[in-house]
Amino acid sequence: MPKALAEDGAWLRAAVTALRDGGCDPIIVVLGATGPSPDIVDLPPGVRHVWAADWATGLGASFRSGLIAAADTAAGYAAIMPVDTPDVGADVVARVTAAAFAAPSGLARAVFHDTPGHPVVLARKHWTTAWKQAVGDSGARTYLSGKNDMVCVTCDDLATGNDRDYPASAAR
């Protein structure tokens, strides 16, 4: 099932709430496997959606679609937040965005128990190159792998940052 629909949309709502309460505006939700219509997804009010038509090629498609849509806004930074990290809340988003705002590079990412996680925050100056390098299942990873000036923000005290592949109620 599309992860935006997991647990009756709870993961999506949690991600939008974390971003909104963490200080992000606007919020753009990238749809993929759900199809282009937001009718199948109960989007929270005030959220803009875009569809990654090539979603089946990997998460790079969603990353590209989201950044391209963000480029049409006045935003100076983008916080990348997948819906499958439902315990990551606004406190994590606020901590990582503050670090990105303070960093000369404008790059920051959450780290949980020495493991890179989300959100990842990129200043606008990085967007075009980052989305051009995003292919297959590599979103920002390819671009960020060459960046020694990215701030890694420890968030162990706030969340696990665990990526969930299945809702708790799903049989495997």
N, C-alpha and C. Protein backbone atom coordinates (compact mmCIF):
# COMPACT_ATOMS: atom_id res chain seq x y z
N MET A 1 0.84 -1.17 0.00
CA MET A 1 0.00 0.00 0.00
C MET A 1 0.89 1.24 0.00
N PRO A 2 0.43 2.33 -0.56
CA PRO A 2 1.19 3.57 -0.48
C PRO A 2 1.35 3.99 0.99
N LYS A 3 2.55 4.39 1.36
CA LYS A 3 2.81 4.74 2.76
C LYS A 3 2.00 5.96 3.21
N ALA A 4 1.58 6.80 2.29
CA ALA A 4 0.74 7.95 2.66
C ALA A 4 -0.61 7.49 3.20
N LEU A 5 -0.99 6.25 2.90
CA LEU A 5 -2.27 5.71 3.37
C LEU A 5 -2.11 4.83 4.61
N ALA A 6 -0.88 4.61 5.06
CA ALA A 6 -0.64 3.71 6.19
C ALA A 6 -1.38 4.17 7.43
N GLU A 7 -1.92 3.20 8.13
CA GLU A 7 -2.67 3.45 9.36
C GLU A 7 -3.72 4.54 9.16
N ASP A 8 -4.48 4.38 8.07
CA ASP A 8 -5.55 5.33 7.72
C ASP A 8 -5.05 6.77 7.60
N GLY A 9 -3.83 6.93 7.09
CA GLY A 9 -3.26 8.25 6.88
C GLY A 9 -2.56 8.85 8.09
N ALA A 10 -2.45 8.08 9.19
CA ALA A 10 -1.83 8.61 10.41
C ALA A 10 -0.37 9.00 10.19
N TRP A 11 0.36 8.22 9.39
CA TRP A 11 1.78 8.56 9.14
C TRP A 11 1.87 9.89 8.40
N LEU A 12 1.02 10.08 7.41
CA LEU A 12 1.02 11.34 6.65
C LEU A 12 0.67 12.51 7.57
N ARG A 13 -0.37 12.36 8.35
CA ARG A 13 -0.77 13.44 9.25
C ARG A 13 0.33 13.75 10.26
N ALA A 14 1.01 12.73 10.76
CA ALA A 14 2.10 12.94 11.72
C ALA A 14 3.25 13.71 11.08
N ALA A 15 3.59 13.38 9.84
CA ALA A 15 4.67 14.08 9.15
C ALA A 15 4.31 15.53 8.89
N VAL A 16 3.09 15.78 8.44
CA VAL A 16 2.64 17.15 8.19
C VAL A 16 2.62 17.94 9.49
N THR A 17 2.13 17.35 10.56
CA THR A 17 2.09 18.03 11.85
C THR A 17 3.50 18.34 12.34
N ALA A 18 4.41 17.39 12.20
CA ALA A 18 5.80 17.62 12.62
C ALA A 18 6.42 18.78 11.85
N LEU A 19 6.20 18.81 10.54
CA LEU A 19 6.74 19.90 9.74
C LEU A 19 6.09 21.23 10.10
N ARG A 20 4.78 21.25 10.15
CA ARG A 20 4.07 22.50 10.45
C ARG A 20 4.44 23.03 11.84
N ASP A 21 4.36 22.17 12.86
CA ASP A 21 4.66 22.61 14.22
C ASP A 21 6.16 22.85 14.43
N GLY A 22 6.97 22.29 13.54
CA GLY A 22 8.42 22.52 13.58
C GLY A 22 8.83 23.80 12.86
N GLY A 23 7.86 24.53 12.30
CA GLY A 23 8.12 25.83 11.70
C GLY A 23 8.19 25.87 10.19
N CYS A 24 7.83 24.80 9.52
CA CYS A 24 7.92 24.76 8.05
C CYS A 24 6.63 25.29 7.40
N ASP A 25 6.83 26.09 6.37
CA ASP A 25 5.71 26.63 5.60
C ASP A 25 6.28 27.16 4.28
N PRO A 26 5.76 26.76 3.15
CA PRO A 26 4.62 25.87 2.93
C PRO A 26 5.02 24.40 3.11
N ILE A 27 4.01 23.55 3.12
CA ILE A 27 4.23 22.12 3.19
C ILE A 27 3.71 21.51 1.89
N ILE A 28 4.59 20.76 1.25
CA ILE A 28 4.27 20.11 -0.02
C ILE A 28 4.32 18.61 0.19
N VAL A 29 3.24 17.93 -0.11
CA VAL A 29 3.18 16.47 -0.02
C VAL A 29 3.33 15.91 -1.42
N VAL A 30 4.27 14.99 -1.57
CA VAL A 30 4.48 14.35 -2.87
C VAL A 30 3.74 13.02 -2.87
N LEU A 31 2.83 12.88 -3.82
CA LEU A 31 2.09 11.63 -3.99
C LEU A 31 2.76 10.81 -5.08
N GLY A 32 2.69 9.50 -4.94
CA GLY A 32 3.28 8.62 -5.94
C GLY A 32 2.35 7.49 -6.26
N ALA A 33 2.48 6.39 -5.52
CA ALA A 33 1.68 5.18 -5.78
C ALA A 33 0.19 5.40 -5.61
N THR A 34 -0.20 6.47 -4.92
CA THR A 34 -1.62 6.76 -4.73
C THR A 34 -2.27 7.23 -6.02
N GLY A 35 -1.46 7.70 -6.96
CA GLY A 35 -1.98 8.30 -8.18
C GLY A 35 -1.99 9.81 -8.04
N PRO A 36 -2.31 10.52 -9.12
CA PRO A 36 -2.21 11.98 -9.09
C PRO A 36 -3.30 12.70 -8.33
N SER A 37 -4.41 12.04 -8.06
CA SER A 37 -5.52 12.71 -7.41
C SER A 37 -5.38 12.64 -5.90
N PRO A 38 -5.52 13.77 -5.21
CA PRO A 38 -5.46 13.75 -3.75
C PRO A 38 -6.72 13.19 -3.11
N ASP A 39 -7.72 12.85 -3.92
CA ASP A 39 -8.99 12.37 -3.38
C ASP A 39 -8.85 11.08 -2.59
N ILE A 40 -7.88 10.24 -2.95
CA ILE A 40 -7.69 8.98 -2.25
C ILE A 40 -6.96 9.19 -0.92
N VAL A 41 -6.29 10.33 -0.79
CA VAL A 41 -5.51 10.66 0.40
C VAL A 41 -6.22 11.80 1.12
N ASP A 42 -6.39 11.67 2.42
CA ASP A 42 -7.00 12.73 3.21
C ASP A 42 -5.91 13.72 3.61
N LEU A 43 -5.65 14.69 2.71
CA LEU A 43 -4.60 15.67 2.98
C LEU A 43 -5.05 16.67 4.03
N PRO A 44 -4.18 16.97 4.97
CA PRO A 44 -4.52 18.00 5.96
C PRO A 44 -4.73 19.36 5.28
N PRO A 45 -5.52 20.21 5.87
CA PRO A 45 -5.78 21.53 5.30
C PRO A 45 -4.48 22.34 5.14
N GLY A 46 -4.44 23.14 4.09
CA GLY A 46 -3.31 24.03 3.87
C GLY A 46 -2.08 23.38 3.29
N VAL A 47 -2.20 22.12 2.88
CA VAL A 47 -1.07 21.39 2.32
C VAL A 47 -1.21 21.35 0.80
N ARG A 48 -0.14 21.64 0.12
CA ARG A 48 -0.13 21.54 -1.34
C ARG A 48 0.37 20.15 -1.71
N HIS A 49 -0.15 19.60 -2.79
CA HIS A 49 0.33 18.28 -3.23
C HIS A 49 0.85 18.37 -4.66
N VAL A 50 1.81 17.49 -4.96
CA VAL A 50 2.29 17.29 -6.32
C VAL A 50 2.38 15.78 -6.52
N TRP A 51 2.34 15.37 -7.76
CA TRP A 51 2.43 13.94 -8.06
C TRP A 51 3.74 13.66 -8.76
N ALA A 52 4.45 12.66 -8.28
CA ALA A 52 5.67 12.18 -8.93
C ALA A 52 5.23 11.09 -9.92
N ALA A 53 5.02 11.47 -11.16
CA ALA A 53 4.52 10.53 -12.16
C ALA A 53 5.44 9.33 -12.34
N ASP A 54 6.74 9.53 -12.12
CA ASP A 54 7.70 8.44 -12.28
C ASP A 54 8.05 7.80 -10.93
N TRP A 55 7.12 7.82 -10.00
CA TRP A 55 7.33 7.33 -8.64
C TRP A 55 7.88 5.90 -8.60
N ALA A 56 7.51 5.07 -9.55
CA ALA A 56 7.92 3.66 -9.53
C ALA A 56 9.42 3.49 -9.78
N THR A 57 10.10 4.53 -10.22
CA THR A 57 11.56 4.43 -10.46
C THR A 57 12.35 4.54 -9.16
N GLY A 58 11.70 4.93 -8.07
CA GLY A 58 12.39 5.02 -6.79
C GLY A 58 12.13 6.34 -6.10
N LEU A 59 12.60 6.44 -4.87
CA LEU A 59 12.32 7.64 -4.07
C LEU A 59 12.96 8.90 -4.63
N GLY A 60 13.94 8.75 -5.51
CA GLY A 60 14.52 9.92 -6.17
C GLY A 60 13.47 10.72 -6.92
N ALA A 61 12.47 10.04 -7.46
CA ALA A 61 11.41 10.72 -8.20
C ALA A 61 10.60 11.63 -7.27
N SER A 62 10.30 11.15 -6.08
CA SER A 62 9.56 11.96 -5.11
C SER A 62 10.40 13.14 -4.65
N PHE A 63 11.66 12.89 -4.39
CA PHE A 63 12.57 13.96 -3.97
C PHE A 63 12.63 15.06 -5.04
N ARG A 64 12.83 14.66 -6.28
CA ARG A 64 12.87 15.64 -7.39
C ARG A 64 11.58 16.42 -7.48
N SER A 65 10.45 15.73 -7.48
CA SER A 65 9.16 16.39 -7.62
C SER A 65 8.92 17.39 -6.50
N GLY A 66 9.27 17.02 -5.29
CA GLY A 66 9.08 17.91 -4.15
C GLY A 66 9.95 19.15 -4.23
N LEU A 67 11.23 18.98 -4.58
CA LEU A 67 12.11 20.15 -4.68
C LEU A 67 11.74 21.05 -5.84
N ILE A 68 11.34 20.46 -6.95
CA ILE A 68 10.92 21.28 -8.10
C ILE A 68 9.68 22.10 -7.72
N ALA A 69 8.75 21.48 -6.99
CA ALA A 69 7.56 22.22 -6.54
C ALA A 69 7.94 23.31 -5.54
N ALA A 70 8.89 23.01 -4.66
CA ALA A 70 9.33 24.01 -3.68
C ALA A 70 9.99 25.20 -4.36
N ALA A 71 10.64 24.97 -5.49
CA ALA A 71 11.31 26.05 -6.21
C ALA A 71 10.32 27.11 -6.70
N ASP A 72 9.05 26.74 -6.79
CA ASP A 72 8.01 27.70 -7.20
C ASP A 72 7.48 28.51 -6.03
N THR A 73 8.07 28.35 -4.85
CA THR A 73 7.65 29.09 -3.67
C THR A 73 8.76 30.07 -3.28
N ALA A 74 8.53 30.84 -2.25
CA ALA A 74 9.53 31.78 -1.76
C ALA A 74 10.44 31.14 -0.70
N ALA A 75 10.26 29.85 -0.45
CA ALA A 75 11.03 29.17 0.59
C ALA A 75 12.53 29.24 0.31
N GLY A 76 13.30 29.42 1.36
CA GLY A 76 14.75 29.44 1.23
C GLY A 76 15.38 28.12 1.62
N TYR A 77 14.60 27.25 2.26
CA TYR A 77 15.08 25.95 2.71
C TYR A 77 14.00 24.92 2.44
N ALA A 78 14.41 23.66 2.31
CA ALA A 78 13.46 22.55 2.19
C ALA A 78 13.82 21.51 3.25
N ALA A 79 12.82 21.10 4.00
CA ALA A 79 12.98 20.02 4.98
C ALA A 79 12.38 18.77 4.36
N ILE A 80 13.20 17.77 4.13
CA ILE A 80 12.76 16.53 3.51
C ILE A 80 12.37 15.57 4.63
N MET A 81 11.10 15.13 4.60
CA MET A 81 10.56 14.32 5.69
C MET A 81 9.67 13.23 5.12
N PRO A 82 10.14 11.99 5.10
CA PRO A 82 9.27 10.90 4.63
C PRO A 82 8.18 10.59 5.66
N VAL A 83 7.09 10.01 5.19
CA VAL A 83 6.00 9.69 6.10
C VAL A 83 6.26 8.45 6.94
N ASP A 84 7.28 7.67 6.58
CA ASP A 84 7.49 6.40 7.28
C ASP A 84 8.44 6.49 8.48
N THR A 85 8.57 7.68 9.04
CA THR A 85 9.29 7.88 10.30
C THR A 85 8.34 8.55 11.28
N PRO A 86 7.26 7.85 11.65
CA PRO A 86 6.17 8.50 12.37
C PRO A 86 6.48 8.99 13.78
N ASP A 87 7.59 8.59 14.38
CA ASP A 87 7.87 9.11 15.73
C ASP A 87 8.72 10.38 15.70
N VAL A 88 9.11 10.82 14.52
CA VAL A 88 9.86 12.07 14.40
C VAL A 88 8.87 13.22 14.46
N GLY A 89 9.02 14.04 15.48
CA GLY A 89 8.06 15.12 15.70
C GLY A 89 8.62 16.50 15.44
N ALA A 90 7.83 17.47 15.81
CA ALA A 90 8.15 18.88 15.58
C ALA A 90 9.45 19.30 16.26
N ASP A 91 9.75 18.72 17.42
CA ASP A 91 10.98 19.10 18.12
C ASP A 91 12.22 18.71 17.32
N VAL A 92 12.16 17.57 16.64
CA VAL A 92 13.28 17.16 15.78
C VAL A 92 13.37 18.10 14.58
N VAL A 93 12.25 18.38 13.94
CA VAL A 93 12.23 19.27 12.78
C VAL A 93 12.80 20.63 13.16
N ALA A 94 12.35 21.19 14.28
CA ALA A 94 12.82 22.51 14.71
C ALA A 94 14.32 22.51 14.99
N ARG A 95 14.82 21.45 15.62
CA ARG A 95 16.25 21.37 15.94
C ARG A 95 17.10 21.31 14.66
N VAL A 96 16.67 20.50 13.71
CA VAL A 96 17.45 20.33 12.48
C VAL A 96 17.36 21.57 11.60
N THR A 97 16.19 22.17 11.50
CA THR A 97 16.09 23.39 10.68
C THR A 97 16.90 24.51 11.30
N ALA A 98 16.90 24.65 12.62
CA ALA A 98 17.72 25.68 13.26
C ALA A 98 19.20 25.48 12.95
N ALA A 99 19.64 24.24 12.94
CA ALA A 99 21.04 23.95 12.62
C ALA A 99 21.36 24.32 11.18
N ALA A 100 20.44 24.03 10.27
CA ALA A 100 20.66 24.38 8.86
C ALA A 100 20.70 25.89 8.68
N PHE A 101 19.80 26.61 9.36
CA PHE A 101 19.78 28.07 9.25
C PHE A 101 21.09 28.67 9.75
N ALA A 102 21.69 28.07 10.78
CA ALA A 102 22.92 28.59 11.37
C ALA A 102 24.18 28.16 10.63
N ALA A 103 24.08 27.12 9.83
CA ALA A 103 25.27 26.58 9.14
C ALA A 103 25.58 27.38 7.87
N PRO A 104 26.84 27.72 7.65
CA PRO A 104 27.21 28.40 6.41
C PRO A 104 26.80 27.61 5.16
N SER A 105 26.81 26.29 5.26
CA SER A 105 26.46 25.45 4.11
C SER A 105 24.95 25.42 3.86
N GLY A 106 24.16 25.66 4.92
CA GLY A 106 22.70 25.54 4.80
C GLY A 106 22.24 24.10 4.71
N LEU A 107 23.07 23.17 5.19
CA LEU A 107 22.76 21.74 5.15
C LEU A 107 22.77 21.16 6.55
N ALA A 108 21.73 20.40 6.88
CA ALA A 108 21.70 19.70 8.17
C ALA A 108 20.81 18.47 8.04
N ARG A 109 21.09 17.50 8.89
CA ARG A 109 20.26 16.29 8.91
C ARG A 109 20.21 15.74 10.31
N ALA A 110 19.10 15.09 10.61
CA ALA A 110 18.95 14.41 11.90
C ALA A 110 19.78 13.14 11.89
N VAL A 111 20.32 12.82 13.07
CA VAL A 111 21.07 11.58 13.27
C VAL A 111 20.52 10.93 14.52
N PHE A 112 20.24 9.64 14.42
CA PHE A 112 19.71 8.87 15.54
C PHE A 112 20.64 7.70 15.80
N HIS A 113 21.24 7.65 16.97
CA HIS A 113 22.15 6.57 17.35
C HIS A 113 23.21 6.34 16.27
N ASP A 114 23.86 7.43 15.87
CA ASP A 114 24.94 7.43 14.87
C ASP A 114 24.49 7.01 13.47
N THR A 115 23.19 6.99 13.22
CA THR A 115 22.66 6.63 11.91
C THR A 115 21.97 7.84 11.28
N PRO A 116 22.36 8.22 10.06
CA PRO A 116 21.69 9.35 9.40
C PRO A 116 20.20 9.08 9.24
N GLY A 117 19.41 10.12 9.45
CA GLY A 117 17.96 9.98 9.34
C GLY A 117 17.32 11.22 8.75
N HIS A 118 16.07 11.43 9.12
CA HIS A 118 15.28 12.57 8.62
C HIS A 118 14.68 13.33 9.78
N PRO A 119 14.48 14.62 9.57
CA PRO A 119 14.53 15.33 8.30
C PRO A 119 15.95 15.67 7.86
N VAL A 120 16.05 15.94 6.58
CA VAL A 120 17.24 16.51 5.96
C VAL A 120 16.82 17.90 5.49
N VAL A 121 17.62 18.89 5.79
CA VAL A 121 17.28 20.27 5.42
C VAL A 121 18.35 20.80 4.47
N LEU A 122 17.89 21.35 3.35
CA LEU A 122 18.79 21.90 2.33
C LEU A 122 18.41 23.34 2.02
N ALA A 123 19.40 24.22 2.01
CA ALA A 123 19.18 25.59 1.57
C ALA A 123 18.91 25.58 0.07
N ARG A 124 18.18 26.56 -0.40
CA ARG A 124 17.79 26.65 -1.81
C ARG A 124 18.97 26.52 -2.77
N LYS A 125 20.13 27.04 -2.40
CA LYS A 125 21.29 27.00 -3.30
C LYS A 125 21.71 25.58 -3.67
N HIS A 126 21.24 24.58 -2.94
CA HIS A 126 21.59 23.18 -3.20
C HIS A 126 20.55 22.44 -4.05
N TRP A 127 19.36 23.00 -4.19
CA TRP A 127 18.24 22.24 -4.74
C TRP A 127 18.46 21.73 -6.15
N THR A 128 18.87 22.58 -7.06
CA THR A 128 18.97 22.16 -8.47
C THR A 128 19.97 21.02 -8.64
N THR A 129 21.14 21.17 -8.06
CA THR A 129 22.15 20.11 -8.19
C THR A 129 21.67 18.84 -7.49
N ALA A 130 21.05 18.98 -6.32
CA ALA A 130 20.58 17.80 -5.58
C ALA A 130 19.52 17.05 -6.37
N TRP A 131 18.55 17.76 -6.96
CA TRP A 131 17.49 17.02 -7.67
C TRP A 131 18.00 16.42 -8.96
N LYS A 132 19.02 17.02 -9.58
CA LYS A 132 19.59 16.44 -10.79
C LYS A 132 20.34 15.15 -10.50
N GLN A 133 20.85 15.01 -9.29
CA GLN A 133 21.61 13.81 -8.91
C GLN A 133 20.73 12.73 -8.30
N ALA A 134 19.47 13.02 -8.08
CA ALA A 134 18.56 12.05 -7.45
C ALA A 134 17.99 11.10 -8.48
N VAL A 135 18.45 9.86 -8.44
CA VAL A 135 17.95 8.83 -9.35
C VAL A 135 17.69 7.54 -8.56
N GLY A 136 16.78 6.76 -9.07
CA GLY A 136 16.47 5.48 -8.43
C GLY A 136 16.08 5.68 -6.97
N ASP A 137 16.67 4.86 -6.11
CA ASP A 137 16.36 4.94 -4.69
C ASP A 137 17.30 5.85 -3.92
N SER A 138 17.95 6.75 -4.62
CA SER A 138 18.80 7.73 -3.96
C SER A 138 18.13 9.09 -4.08
N GLY A 139 17.60 9.58 -2.98
CA GLY A 139 17.03 10.92 -2.96
C GLY A 139 18.18 11.91 -2.90
N ALA A 140 18.41 12.45 -1.72
CA ALA A 140 19.50 13.41 -1.54
C ALA A 140 20.83 12.72 -1.24
N ARG A 141 20.83 11.41 -1.05
CA ARG A 141 22.03 10.69 -0.61
C ARG A 141 23.23 10.92 -1.51
N THR A 142 23.06 10.81 -2.82
CA THR A 142 24.18 10.99 -3.73
C THR A 142 24.78 12.38 -3.59
N TYR A 143 23.93 13.38 -3.57
CA TYR A 143 24.40 14.75 -3.44
C TYR A 143 25.08 14.97 -2.09
N LEU A 144 24.45 14.52 -1.02
CA LEU A 144 24.97 14.77 0.31
C LEU A 144 26.23 13.98 0.63
N SER A 145 26.44 12.87 -0.06
CA SER A 145 27.62 12.04 0.24
C SER A 145 28.92 12.79 0.01
N GLY A 146 28.91 13.79 -0.83
CA GLY A 146 30.12 14.57 -1.09
C GLY A 146 30.21 15.85 -0.29
N LYS A 147 29.31 16.03 0.66
CA LYS A 147 29.26 17.28 1.42
C LYS A 147 29.84 17.09 2.82
N ASN A 148 31.05 17.61 3.03
CA ASN A 148 31.68 17.53 4.34
C ASN A 148 31.24 18.66 5.26
N ASP A 149 30.48 19.60 4.72
CA ASP A 149 30.05 20.76 5.51
C ASP A 149 28.60 20.66 6.00
N MET A 150 28.04 19.46 5.90
CA MET A 150 26.67 19.25 6.39
C MET A 150 26.73 19.05 7.90
N VAL A 151 25.81 19.69 8.60
CA VAL A 151 25.74 19.56 10.05
C VAL A 151 24.90 18.32 10.38
N CYS A 152 25.46 17.43 11.18
CA CYS A 152 24.74 16.25 11.65
C CYS A 152 24.22 16.57 13.05
N VAL A 153 22.91 16.49 13.22
CA VAL A 153 22.26 16.93 14.44
C VAL A 153 21.76 15.70 15.21
N THR A 154 22.36 15.44 16.35
CA THR A 154 21.95 14.30 17.16
C THR A 154 20.57 14.56 17.75
N CYS A 155 19.67 13.60 17.52
CA CYS A 155 18.28 13.74 17.98
C CYS A 155 17.82 12.52 18.76
N ASP A 156 18.77 11.73 19.27
CA ASP A 156 18.45 10.51 20.02
C ASP A 156 17.52 10.78 21.19
N ASP A 157 17.64 11.95 21.78
CA ASP A 157 16.84 12.27 22.96
C ASP A 157 15.39 12.63 22.63
N LEU A 158 15.09 12.76 21.33
CA LEU A 158 13.76 13.20 20.92
C LEU A 158 12.93 12.12 20.21
N ALA A 159 13.59 11.18 19.54
CA ALA A 159 12.87 10.17 18.76
C ALA A 159 13.82 9.02 18.43
N THR A 160 13.25 7.94 17.92
CA THR A 160 14.10 6.84 17.45
C THR A 160 14.53 7.07 16.00
N GLY A 161 13.67 7.77 15.23
CA GLY A 161 13.96 7.99 13.82
C GLY A 161 13.82 6.74 12.98
N ASN A 162 13.26 5.68 13.55
CA ASN A 162 13.14 4.41 12.84
C ASN A 162 12.26 4.54 11.61
N ASP A 163 12.76 4.02 10.51
CA ASP A 163 12.03 3.95 9.24
C ASP A 163 11.14 2.72 9.32
N ARG A 164 9.84 2.93 9.16
CA ARG A 164 8.89 1.83 9.25
C ARG A 164 8.48 1.39 7.86
N ASP A 165 8.63 0.13 7.59
CA ASP A 165 8.22 -0.40 6.30
C ASP A 165 6.77 -0.88 6.31
N TYR A 166 6.27 -1.19 7.49
CA TYR A 166 4.91 -1.71 7.62
C TYR A 166 4.19 -1.04 8.78
N PRO A 167 2.90 -0.77 8.65
CA PRO A 167 2.14 -0.30 9.81
C PRO A 167 2.15 -1.36 10.89
N ALA A 168 2.02 -0.96 12.13
CA ALA A 168 2.05 -1.90 13.25
C ALA A 168 0.95 -2.95 13.12
N SER A 169 -0.16 -2.60 12.48
CA SER A 169 -1.30 -3.51 12.36
C SER A 169 -1.19 -4.45 11.16
N ALA A 170 -0.17 -4.28 10.32
CA ALA A 170 -0.09 -5.07 9.08
C ALA A 170 0.55 -6.43 9.32
N ALA A 171 -0.02 -7.44 8.70
CA ALA A 171 0.60 -8.76 8.72
C ALA A 171 1.68 -8.78 7.66
N ARG A 172 2.79 -9.44 7.95
CA ARG A 172 3.91 -9.47 7.01
C ARG A 172 3.98 -10.78 6.28
